[in-house]
Protein backbone atom coordinates (compact mmCIF):
# COMPACT_ATOMS: atom_id res chain seq x y z
CA UNK A 1 -129.46 80.53 1.04
CA UNK A 2 -126.14 81.94 2.28
CA UNK A 3 -125.58 83.12 5.80
CA UNK A 4 -123.96 86.52 6.15
CA UNK A 5 -121.52 86.82 9.02
CA UNK A 6 -122.78 89.44 11.41
CA UNK A 7 -120.21 91.99 12.51
CA UNK A 8 -119.67 91.99 16.24
CA UNK A 9 -117.40 94.18 18.30
CA UNK A 10 -117.41 94.27 22.09
CA UNK A 11 -114.98 95.21 24.80
CA UNK A 12 -115.10 92.22 27.14
CA UNK A 13 -112.55 93.20 29.78
CA UNK A 14 -110.07 95.95 30.61
CA UNK A 15 -107.15 95.03 32.82
CA UNK A 16 -103.79 96.29 33.98
CA UNK A 17 -101.25 93.79 32.65
CA UNK A 18 -98.07 95.34 34.06
CA UNK A 19 -97.01 98.49 35.89
CA UNK A 20 -93.73 99.88 37.18
CA UNK A 21 -92.90 103.15 38.93
CA UNK A 22 -89.40 104.33 39.79
CA UNK A 23 -88.06 107.45 41.51
CA UNK A 24 -84.29 106.98 41.18
CA UNK A 25 -83.33 110.34 42.70
CA UNK A 26 -85.54 110.23 45.79
CA UNK A 27 -85.54 112.03 48.16
CA UNK A 28 -83.29 114.68 46.55
CA UNK A 29 -85.70 115.12 43.63
CA UNK A 30 -88.35 116.49 46.00
CA UNK A 31 -86.08 119.31 47.15
CA UNK A 32 -85.50 120.72 43.66
CA UNK A 33 -87.57 123.28 41.79
CA UNK A 34 -90.04 121.34 39.67
CA UNK A 35 -89.68 122.11 35.95
CA UNK A 36 -89.92 118.69 34.32
CA UNK A 37 -89.37 117.62 30.76
CA UNK A 38 -91.74 114.75 30.04
CA UNK A 39 -91.19 112.16 27.32
CA UNK A 40 -93.79 109.56 26.33
CA UNK A 41 -93.11 106.38 24.36
CA UNK A 42 -95.97 104.17 23.28
CA UNK A 43 -96.42 100.84 21.63
CA UNK A 44 -99.41 98.68 20.83
CA UNK A 45 -99.74 94.99 20.22
CA UNK A 46 -102.58 92.58 19.52
CA UNK A 47 -102.83 88.84 19.78
CA UNK A 48 -105.65 86.62 18.58
CA UNK A 49 -106.78 84.31 21.37
CA UNK A 50 -107.30 80.57 20.95
CA UNK A 51 -111.06 80.77 20.39
CA UNK A 52 -110.49 82.90 17.27
CA UNK A 53 -113.18 85.42 18.25
CA UNK A 54 -111.28 87.36 20.89
CA UNK A 55 -108.18 89.52 20.75
CA UNK A 56 -105.93 90.67 23.55
CA UNK A 57 -104.83 94.24 22.77
CA UNK A 58 -102.10 95.89 24.84
CA UNK A 59 -101.24 99.57 25.02
CA UNK A 60 -97.75 100.04 26.48
CA UNK A 61 -96.79 103.52 27.69
CA UNK A 62 -93.49 104.66 29.17
CA UNK A 63 -93.47 108.11 30.73
CA UNK A 64 -90.11 109.57 31.71
CA UNK A 65 -89.95 112.87 33.59
CA UNK A 66 -86.58 114.59 33.82
CA UNK A 67 -85.89 117.48 36.15
CA UNK A 68 -82.60 119.38 36.04
CA UNK A 69 -81.25 116.74 33.64
CA UNK A 70 -81.92 113.81 35.98
CA UNK A 71 -84.71 111.24 35.80
CA UNK A 72 -87.28 112.33 38.37
CA UNK A 73 -89.63 109.43 37.75
CA UNK A 74 -90.29 106.68 35.27
CA UNK A 75 -93.68 105.03 34.80
CA UNK A 76 -94.15 101.97 32.62
CA UNK A 77 -97.65 100.63 32.15
CA UNK A 78 -99.27 97.97 30.00
CA UNK A 79 -103.01 98.55 29.85
CA UNK A 80 -104.80 95.72 28.08
CA UNK A 81 -108.23 94.71 26.95
CA UNK A 82 -109.97 91.65 25.61
CA UNK A 83 -112.09 92.45 22.58
CA UNK A 84 -114.61 90.22 20.85
CA UNK A 85 -114.32 90.85 17.12
CA UNK A 86 -116.24 88.82 14.55
CA UNK A 87 -117.26 89.32 10.95
CA UNK A 88 -114.72 92.06 10.28
CA UNK A 89 -112.88 92.04 6.95
CA UNK A 90 -109.11 91.54 7.13
CA UNK A 91 -108.54 95.00 5.65
CA UNK A 92 -110.48 96.56 8.54
CA UNK A 93 -109.00 94.37 11.27
CA UNK A 94 -105.57 96.09 11.31
CA UNK A 95 -106.90 99.61 11.93
CA UNK A 96 -109.39 98.26 14.46
CA UNK A 97 -106.69 96.50 16.50
CA UNK A 98 -103.96 99.09 15.92
CA UNK A 99 -105.94 102.29 16.39
CA UNK A 100 -109.51 101.94 17.62
CA UNK A 101 -108.87 99.45 20.45
CA UNK A 102 -105.82 101.33 21.86
CA UNK A 103 -107.91 104.51 21.74
CA UNK A 104 -110.48 102.80 23.99
CA UNK A 105 -107.74 101.65 26.38
CA UNK A 106 -105.98 105.02 26.62
CA UNK A 107 -108.30 106.67 29.20
CA UNK A 108 -107.71 103.74 31.58
CA UNK A 109 -103.92 103.99 31.14
CA UNK A 110 -104.07 107.77 31.51
CA UNK A 111 -105.95 107.46 34.81
CA UNK A 112 -103.58 104.80 36.15
CA UNK A 113 -100.52 106.92 35.30
CA UNK A 114 -102.06 109.99 36.93
CA UNK A 115 -102.83 108.01 40.09
CA UNK A 116 -99.38 106.44 40.29
CA UNK A 117 -97.56 109.75 39.76
CA UNK A 118 -99.75 111.39 42.42
CA UNK A 119 -99.05 108.59 44.89
CA UNK A 120 -95.37 109.12 44.20
CA UNK A 121 -95.81 112.65 45.62
CA UNK A 122 -95.43 114.43 42.29
CA UNK A 123 -97.83 117.01 40.83
CA UNK A 124 -100.69 115.58 38.80
CA UNK A 125 -99.70 114.36 35.35
CA UNK A 126 -102.54 114.39 32.86
CA UNK A 127 -101.47 112.97 29.51
CA UNK A 128 -102.77 114.75 26.44
CA UNK A 129 -104.99 112.77 24.05
CA UNK A 130 -103.15 110.73 21.43
CA UNK A 131 -104.21 110.47 17.79
CA UNK A 132 -103.99 106.69 17.40
CA UNK A 133 -105.10 106.90 13.76
CA UNK A 134 -101.98 108.96 13.00
CA UNK A 135 -99.77 106.63 15.07
CA UNK A 136 -101.13 103.58 13.24
CA UNK A 137 -100.71 105.26 9.82
CA UNK A 138 -97.10 106.18 10.64
CA UNK A 139 -96.37 102.63 11.80
CA UNK A 140 -97.81 101.19 8.57
CA UNK A 141 -95.78 103.70 6.51
CA UNK A 142 -92.57 102.70 8.28
CA UNK A 143 -93.31 98.99 7.78
CA UNK A 144 -93.95 99.58 4.07
CA UNK A 145 -90.66 101.47 3.76
CA UNK A 146 -88.79 98.69 5.56
CA UNK A 147 -90.31 96.05 3.24
CA UNK A 148 -89.46 98.13 0.17
CA UNK A 149 -85.87 98.50 1.37
CA UNK A 150 -85.47 94.79 2.13
């Protein structure tokens, strides 16, 4: 009789790993008309923990707001989570760690960024949803191209 490995997936903990907020042009930035250009950079990473059943997944977001050509504020945040993942095939593990887990972490990062920007005396910044499936697919495409070129 063979034992089938039961698939388990659980979010064990969500935590803020790192955060930074800068307002390089203060207080002058608050005296200007507010018409910002906002740029968002994101990155994800995953690391298997020592017990082999848990993964630490980190969603890193950098939000840069420019007003009148100058940086008004810069927010860098690393929102992380510990996920228990067992019985998942290797082919499914990549999309799970690279897309599904960051998608679960995004609302926490979005809230933290909104709070930090508000406490910096700027108008509320509500990030639009991100299609992590598309981001993951694009990352895999770029890696495949890089391997083919090398």
